[in-house]
Amino acid sequence: MAISRFKATCLAVVERVRRTRRPVRITRRGEPVAEVVPPSAPRGPDGWIGSMAGTLQVRGDIVGPVSRGRDWEALRR
């Protein structure tokens, strides 16, 4: 695309690149001077949620009680 045409339709070209994800090459007198490319894929969130995924190993019963009922003072009475 000629640089003069790009200058006149810049916002529309940027929107087209965003929508179609296809780059547009800008030329001056037939020589490439720039490219408008879509942004790279967004990275996942940098927050703490999910940051430990895949690091846990389950050993033993995770559903049953931690201790026997007779170990609890309230249950002895």
N, C-alpha and C. Protein backbone atom coordinates (compact mmCIF):
# COMPACT_ATOMS: atom_id res chain seq x y z
N MET A 1 0.85 -1.16 0.00
CA MET A 1 0.00 0.00 0.00
C MET A 1 0.90 1.24 0.00
N ALA A 2 0.59 2.16 -0.84
CA ALA A 2 1.37 3.39 -0.92
C ALA A 2 1.23 4.19 0.37
N ILE A 3 2.30 4.85 0.74
CA ILE A 3 2.30 5.60 2.00
C ILE A 3 1.26 6.72 2.00
N SER A 4 1.02 7.33 0.85
CA SER A 4 0.00 8.39 0.78
C SER A 4 -1.39 7.83 1.05
N ARG A 5 -1.67 6.65 0.51
CA ARG A 5 -2.97 6.01 0.74
C ARG A 5 -3.08 5.59 2.21
N PHE A 6 -2.00 5.07 2.78
CA PHE A 6 -2.01 4.69 4.19
C PHE A 6 -2.28 5.89 5.08
N LYS A 7 -1.63 7.02 4.76
CA LYS A 7 -1.82 8.23 5.56
C LYS A 7 -3.28 8.67 5.56
N ALA A 8 -3.94 8.54 4.44
CA ALA A 8 -5.33 8.97 4.33
C ALA A 8 -6.30 7.99 5.02
N THR A 9 -5.92 6.73 5.12
CA THR A 9 -6.84 5.71 5.66
C THR A 9 -6.23 4.94 6.83
N CYS A 10 -5.37 5.57 7.57
CA CYS A 10 -4.61 4.90 8.63
C CYS A 10 -5.50 4.14 9.62
N LEU A 11 -6.50 4.77 10.17
CA LEU A 11 -7.34 4.12 11.18
C LEU A 11 -8.09 2.92 10.60
N ALA A 12 -8.56 3.04 9.38
CA ALA A 12 -9.27 1.92 8.74
C ALA A 12 -8.30 0.76 8.48
N VAL A 13 -7.07 1.07 8.07
CA VAL A 13 -6.08 0.02 7.82
C VAL A 13 -5.74 -0.70 9.12
N VAL A 14 -5.54 0.04 10.17
CA VAL A 14 -5.22 -0.58 11.46
C VAL A 14 -6.37 -1.47 11.92
N GLU A 15 -7.58 -1.03 11.76
CA GLU A 15 -8.75 -1.84 12.13
C GLU A 15 -8.83 -3.10 11.27
N ARG A 16 -8.55 -2.98 9.99
CA ARG A 16 -8.57 -4.14 9.09
C ARG A 16 -7.52 -5.17 9.52
N VAL A 17 -6.32 -4.70 9.88
CA VAL A 17 -5.27 -5.61 10.34
C VAL A 17 -5.69 -6.29 11.63
N ARG A 18 -6.30 -5.57 12.54
CA ARG A 18 -6.76 -6.15 13.79
C ARG A 18 -7.82 -7.22 13.53
N ARG A 19 -8.74 -6.93 12.65
CA ARG A 19 -9.86 -7.84 12.36
C ARG A 19 -9.41 -9.08 11.59
N THR A 20 -8.61 -8.90 10.55
CA THR A 20 -8.22 -10.02 9.68
C THR A 20 -6.94 -10.70 10.13
N ARG A 21 -6.15 -10.03 11.00
CA ARG A 21 -4.86 -10.54 11.48
C ARG A 21 -3.88 -10.75 10.34
N ARG A 22 -4.04 -9.99 9.24
CA ARG A 22 -3.12 -10.05 8.11
C ARG A 22 -2.32 -8.75 8.04
N PRO A 23 -1.00 -8.83 7.94
CA PRO A 23 -0.18 -7.61 7.92
C PRO A 23 -0.36 -6.82 6.62
N VAL A 24 -0.06 -5.53 6.70
CA VAL A 24 -0.11 -4.64 5.54
C VAL A 24 1.27 -3.99 5.41
N ARG A 25 1.86 -4.06 4.21
CA ARG A 25 3.17 -3.45 3.95
C ARG A 25 2.96 -2.05 3.38
N ILE A 26 3.65 -1.09 3.93
CA ILE A 26 3.58 0.31 3.49
C ILE A 26 4.80 0.57 2.61
N THR A 27 4.58 1.19 1.45
CA THR A 27 5.68 1.45 0.52
C THR A 27 5.79 2.93 0.18
N ARG A 28 7.01 3.33 -0.17
CA ARG A 28 7.26 4.68 -0.68
C ARG A 28 8.02 4.50 -1.99
N ARG A 29 7.41 4.93 -3.07
CA ARG A 29 7.96 4.77 -4.42
C ARG A 29 8.29 3.30 -4.71
N GLY A 30 7.42 2.40 -4.24
CA GLY A 30 7.58 0.98 -4.51
C GLY A 30 8.51 0.24 -3.55
N GLU A 31 9.20 0.95 -2.68
CA GLU A 31 10.12 0.33 -1.72
C GLU A 31 9.43 0.18 -0.36
N PRO A 32 9.47 -0.99 0.25
CA PRO A 32 8.85 -1.16 1.57
C PRO A 32 9.53 -0.27 2.62
N VAL A 33 8.71 0.41 3.41
CA VAL A 33 9.25 1.24 4.49
C VAL A 33 8.73 0.82 5.87
N ALA A 34 7.61 0.12 5.90
CA ALA A 34 7.04 -0.29 7.19
C ALA A 34 6.01 -1.39 6.95
N GLU A 35 5.66 -2.06 8.04
CA GLU A 35 4.57 -3.03 8.02
C GLU A 35 3.69 -2.80 9.24
N VAL A 36 2.39 -2.91 9.03
CA VAL A 36 1.44 -2.88 10.14
C VAL A 36 1.07 -4.33 10.37
N VAL A 37 1.41 -4.85 11.54
CA VAL A 37 1.16 -6.26 11.85
C VAL A 37 0.23 -6.36 13.06
N PRO A 38 -0.53 -7.45 13.14
CA PRO A 38 -1.39 -7.62 14.31
C PRO A 38 -0.54 -7.89 15.54
N PRO A 39 -1.04 -7.60 16.71
CA PRO A 39 -0.27 -7.85 17.93
C PRO A 39 -0.11 -9.34 18.16
N SER A 40 0.94 -9.71 18.87
CA SER A 40 1.14 -11.12 19.19
C SER A 40 0.05 -11.56 20.16
N ALA A 41 -0.12 -12.86 20.28
CA ALA A 41 -1.15 -13.40 21.16
C ALA A 41 -0.91 -12.94 22.59
N PRO A 42 -1.97 -12.56 23.27
CA PRO A 42 -1.78 -12.10 24.65
C PRO A 42 -1.32 -13.24 25.54
N ARG A 43 -0.42 -12.92 26.46
CA ARG A 43 0.03 -13.90 27.43
C ARG A 43 -1.06 -14.12 28.45
N GLY A 44 -0.96 -15.20 29.17
CA GLY A 44 -1.90 -15.47 30.24
C GLY A 44 -1.76 -14.42 31.34
N PRO A 45 -2.69 -14.42 32.25
CA PRO A 45 -2.60 -13.44 33.34
C PRO A 45 -1.34 -13.67 34.18
N ASP A 46 -0.74 -12.59 34.62
CA ASP A 46 0.46 -12.68 35.43
C ASP A 46 0.15 -12.78 36.92
N GLY A 47 -1.13 -12.88 37.23
CA GLY A 47 -1.53 -12.93 38.63
C GLY A 47 -1.17 -14.25 39.28
N TRP A 48 -1.52 -14.39 40.54
CA TRP A 48 -1.16 -15.56 41.31
C TRP A 48 -2.08 -16.74 41.06
N ILE A 49 -3.28 -16.49 40.55
CA ILE A 49 -4.23 -17.58 40.33
C ILE A 49 -3.69 -18.50 39.24
N GLY A 50 -3.52 -19.76 39.56
CA GLY A 50 -3.03 -20.74 38.61
C GLY A 50 -1.52 -20.79 38.48
N SER A 51 -0.82 -19.98 39.25
CA SER A 51 0.63 -19.94 39.10
C SER A 51 1.31 -21.22 39.61
N MET A 52 0.64 -21.98 40.43
CA MET A 52 1.21 -23.22 40.97
C MET A 52 0.66 -24.47 40.28
N ALA A 53 -0.06 -24.29 39.17
CA ALA A 53 -0.66 -25.42 38.47
C ALA A 53 0.41 -26.43 38.08
N GLY A 54 0.11 -27.70 38.35
CA GLY A 54 1.02 -28.78 37.99
C GLY A 54 2.15 -29.02 38.98
N THR A 55 2.16 -28.34 40.10
CA THR A 55 3.26 -28.50 41.06
C THR A 55 2.87 -29.33 42.28
N LEU A 56 1.63 -29.77 42.38
CA LEU A 56 1.14 -30.48 43.56
C LEU A 56 1.12 -31.98 43.30
N GLN A 57 1.52 -32.76 44.31
CA GLN A 57 1.40 -34.21 44.25
C GLN A 57 0.49 -34.64 45.39
N VAL A 58 -0.56 -35.39 45.07
CA VAL A 58 -1.50 -35.88 46.07
C VAL A 58 -0.98 -37.22 46.56
N ARG A 59 -0.81 -37.33 47.88
CA ARG A 59 -0.36 -38.58 48.50
C ARG A 59 -1.37 -38.97 49.56
N GLY A 60 -1.98 -40.11 49.40
CA GLY A 60 -2.93 -40.59 50.39
C GLY A 60 -4.33 -40.08 50.13
N ASP A 61 -5.16 -40.24 51.16
CA ASP A 61 -6.58 -39.91 51.08
C ASP A 61 -6.78 -38.42 51.36
N ILE A 62 -7.32 -37.69 50.41
CA ILE A 62 -7.56 -36.26 50.63
C ILE A 62 -9.01 -35.98 50.99
N VAL A 63 -9.85 -37.03 51.04
CA VAL A 63 -11.27 -36.84 51.34
C VAL A 63 -11.58 -37.24 52.78
N GLY A 64 -10.95 -38.28 53.25
CA GLY A 64 -11.22 -38.79 54.60
C GLY A 64 -10.73 -37.84 55.68
N PRO A 65 -11.12 -38.13 56.95
CA PRO A 65 -10.68 -37.28 58.06
C PRO A 65 -9.17 -37.36 58.27
N VAL A 66 -8.62 -36.30 58.80
CA VAL A 66 -7.19 -36.23 59.05
C VAL A 66 -6.80 -37.10 60.23
N SER A 67 -7.64 -37.13 61.24
CA SER A 67 -7.33 -37.93 62.43
C SER A 67 -8.55 -38.77 62.79
N ARG A 68 -8.34 -39.70 63.72
CA ARG A 68 -9.45 -40.56 64.17
C ARG A 68 -10.36 -39.74 65.09
N GLY A 69 -11.61 -40.13 65.17
CA GLY A 69 -12.58 -39.42 66.01
C GLY A 69 -12.23 -39.42 67.46
N ARG A 70 -11.61 -40.50 67.95
CA ARG A 70 -11.28 -40.58 69.38
C ARG A 70 -10.13 -39.64 69.75
N ASP A 71 -9.42 -39.11 68.78
CA ASP A 71 -8.35 -38.16 69.05
C ASP A 71 -8.88 -36.78 69.40
N TRP A 72 -10.15 -36.52 69.11
CA TRP A 72 -10.74 -35.21 69.37
C TRP A 72 -11.35 -35.20 70.78
N GLU A 73 -10.97 -34.24 71.57
CA GLU A 73 -11.47 -34.14 72.94
C GLU A 73 -12.99 -34.00 72.98
N ALA A 74 -13.55 -33.23 72.08
CA ALA A 74 -14.99 -33.01 72.07
C ALA A 74 -15.75 -34.29 71.79
N LEU A 75 -15.16 -35.26 71.08
CA LEU A 75 -15.86 -36.50 70.76
C LEU A 75 -15.68 -37.57 71.82
N ARG A 76 -14.82 -37.38 72.80
CA ARG A 76 -14.58 -38.37 73.86
C ARG A 76 -15.69 -38.42 74.87
N ARG A 77 -16.44 -37.37 75.00
CA ARG A 77 -17.48 -37.30 76.04
C ARG A 77 -18.73 -38.00 75.64
